[in-house]
């Protein structure tokens, strides 16, 4: 049981940057863009653009272990 919990915790810490990108960075970028009056980018809603950009960036950070 302890081994399973340790594996689950290890997996959670591995994918944490992905969830950080989706749950914090994407909404933050939407709010910043709204403050500058940007509602869409190329006809696509800013939520969609932000979720794609920061989901991919968080996924890469989870995979490589680095944000930069």
C-alpha atoms as a PDB file:
ATOM      1  CA  UNK A   1       0.000   0.000   0.000  1.00  0.00           C
ATOM      2  CA  UNK A   2       2.824   2.395   0.877  1.00  0.00           C
ATOM      3  CA  UNK A   3       4.609   1.633  -2.390  1.00  0.00           C
ATOM      4  CA  UNK A   4       1.445   2.449  -4.367  1.00  0.00           C
ATOM      5  CA  UNK A   5       1.047   5.743  -2.486  1.00  0.00           C
ATOM      6  CA  UNK A   6       4.668   6.636  -3.191  1.00  0.00           C
ATOM      7  CA  UNK A   7       4.211   5.938  -6.928  1.00  0.00           C
ATOM      8  CA  UNK A   8       1.019   8.024  -6.992  1.00  0.00           C
ATOM      9  CA  UNK A   9       2.762  10.917  -5.234  1.00  0.00           C
ATOM     10  CA  UNK A  10       5.722  10.661  -7.610  1.00  0.00           C
ATOM     11  CA  UNK A  11       3.384  10.788 -10.623  1.00  0.00           C
ATOM     12  CA  UNK A  12       1.478  13.755  -9.166  1.00  0.00           C
ATOM     13  CA  UNK A  13       4.688  15.720  -8.626  1.00  0.00           C
ATOM     14  CA  UNK A  14       5.748  14.886 -12.181  1.00  0.00           C
ATOM     15  CA  UNK A  15       2.584  16.315 -13.784  1.00  0.00           C
ATOM     16  CA  UNK A  16       2.249  19.282 -11.431  1.00  0.00           C
ATOM     17  CA  UNK A  17       3.769  21.781 -13.914  1.00  0.00           C
ATOM     18  CA  UNK A  18       1.132  20.775 -16.484  1.00  0.00           C
ATOM     19  CA  UNK A  19      -1.696  21.531 -14.057  1.00  0.00           C
ATOM     20  CA  UNK A  20       0.020  24.760 -12.955  1.00  0.00           C
ATOM     21  CA  UNK A  21       0.078  25.902 -16.577  1.00  0.00           C
ATOM     22  CA  UNK A  22      -3.614  25.167 -17.020  1.00  0.00           C
ATOM     23  CA  UNK A  23      -4.921  26.308 -13.640  1.00  0.00           C
ATOM     24  CA  UNK A  24      -2.795  29.403 -13.000  1.00  0.00           C
ATOM     25  CA  UNK A  25      -0.909  30.671 -16.040  1.00  0.00           C
ATOM     26  CA  UNK A  26      -3.768  30.356 -18.551  1.00  0.00           C
ATOM     27  CA  UNK A  27      -6.321  32.350 -16.483  1.00  0.00           C
ATOM     28  CA  UNK A  28      -3.643  34.896 -15.604  1.00  0.00           C
ATOM     29  CA  UNK A  29      -2.808  35.466 -19.264  1.00  0.00           C
ATOM     30  CA  UNK A  30      -6.503  35.825 -20.143  1.00  0.00           C
ATOM     31  CA  UNK A  31      -6.899  38.492 -17.456  1.00  0.00           C
ATOM     32  CA  UNK A  32      -3.814  40.348 -18.669  1.00  0.00           C
ATOM     33  CA  UNK A  33      -5.046  40.277 -22.265  1.00  0.00           C
ATOM     34  CA  UNK A  34      -8.495  41.484 -21.193  1.00  0.00           C
ATOM     35  CA  UNK A  35      -6.890  44.416 -19.379  1.00  0.00           C
ATOM     36  CA  UNK A  36      -5.245  45.382 -22.685  1.00  0.00           C
ATOM     37  CA  UNK A  37      -8.549  44.967 -24.537  1.00  0.00           C
ATOM     38  CA  UNK A  38      -7.606  41.800 -26.446  1.00  0.00           C
ATOM     39  CA  UNK A  39     -10.584  39.443 -26.683  1.00  0.00           C
ATOM     40  CA  UNK A  40      -9.509  37.163 -29.516  1.00  0.00           C
ATOM     41  CA  UNK A  41      -6.341  36.257 -31.352  1.00  0.00           C
ATOM     42  CA  UNK A  42      -6.819  35.446 -35.011  1.00  0.00           C
ATOM     43  CA  UNK A  43     -10.542  34.959 -34.465  1.00  0.00           C
ATOM     44  CA  UNK A  44      -9.943  32.404 -31.687  1.00  0.00           C
ATOM     45  CA  UNK A  45     -11.114  33.064 -28.119  1.00  0.00           C
ATOM     46  CA  UNK A  46      -8.307  33.960 -25.687  1.00  0.00           C
ATOM     47  CA  UNK A  47      -9.277  31.119 -23.337  1.00  0.00           C
ATOM     48  CA  UNK A  48      -8.670  28.590 -26.079  1.00  0.00           C
ATOM     49  CA  UNK A  49      -5.366  30.165 -27.074  1.00  0.00           C
ATOM     50  CA  UNK A  50      -4.160  30.406 -23.459  1.00  0.00           C
ATOM     51  CA  UNK A  51      -5.143  26.850 -22.572  1.00  0.00           C
ATOM     52  CA  UNK A  52      -3.335  25.500 -25.624  1.00  0.00           C
ATOM     53  CA  UNK A  53      -0.177  27.578 -25.112  1.00  0.00           C
ATOM     54  CA  UNK A  54       0.173  27.026 -21.373  1.00  0.00           C
ATOM     55  CA  UNK A  55      -1.013  23.419 -21.528  1.00  0.00           C
ATOM     56  CA  UNK A  56       1.740  22.642 -24.030  1.00  0.00           C
ATOM     57  CA  UNK A  57       4.290  24.668 -22.078  1.00  0.00           C
ATOM     58  CA  UNK A  58       3.321  22.932 -18.816  1.00  0.00           C
ATOM     59  CA  UNK A  59       3.464  19.563 -20.580  1.00  0.00           C
ATOM     60  CA  UNK A  60       6.957  20.288 -21.839  1.00  0.00           C
ATOM     61  CA  UNK A  61       7.962  21.439 -18.342  1.00  0.00           C
ATOM     62  CA  UNK A  62       6.574  18.188 -16.897  1.00  0.00           C
ATOM     63  CA  UNK A  63       8.394  16.128 -19.487  1.00  0.00           C
ATOM     64  CA  UNK A  64      11.784  17.864 -19.340  1.00  0.00           C
ATOM     65  CA  UNK A  65      11.684  18.993 -15.706  1.00  0.00           C
ATOM     66  CA  UNK A  66      12.370  22.620 -16.655  1.00  0.00           C
ATOM     67  CA  UNK A  67      10.246  25.663 -17.504  1.00  0.00           C
ATOM     68  CA  UNK A  68      12.915  27.258 -19.678  1.00  0.00           C
END
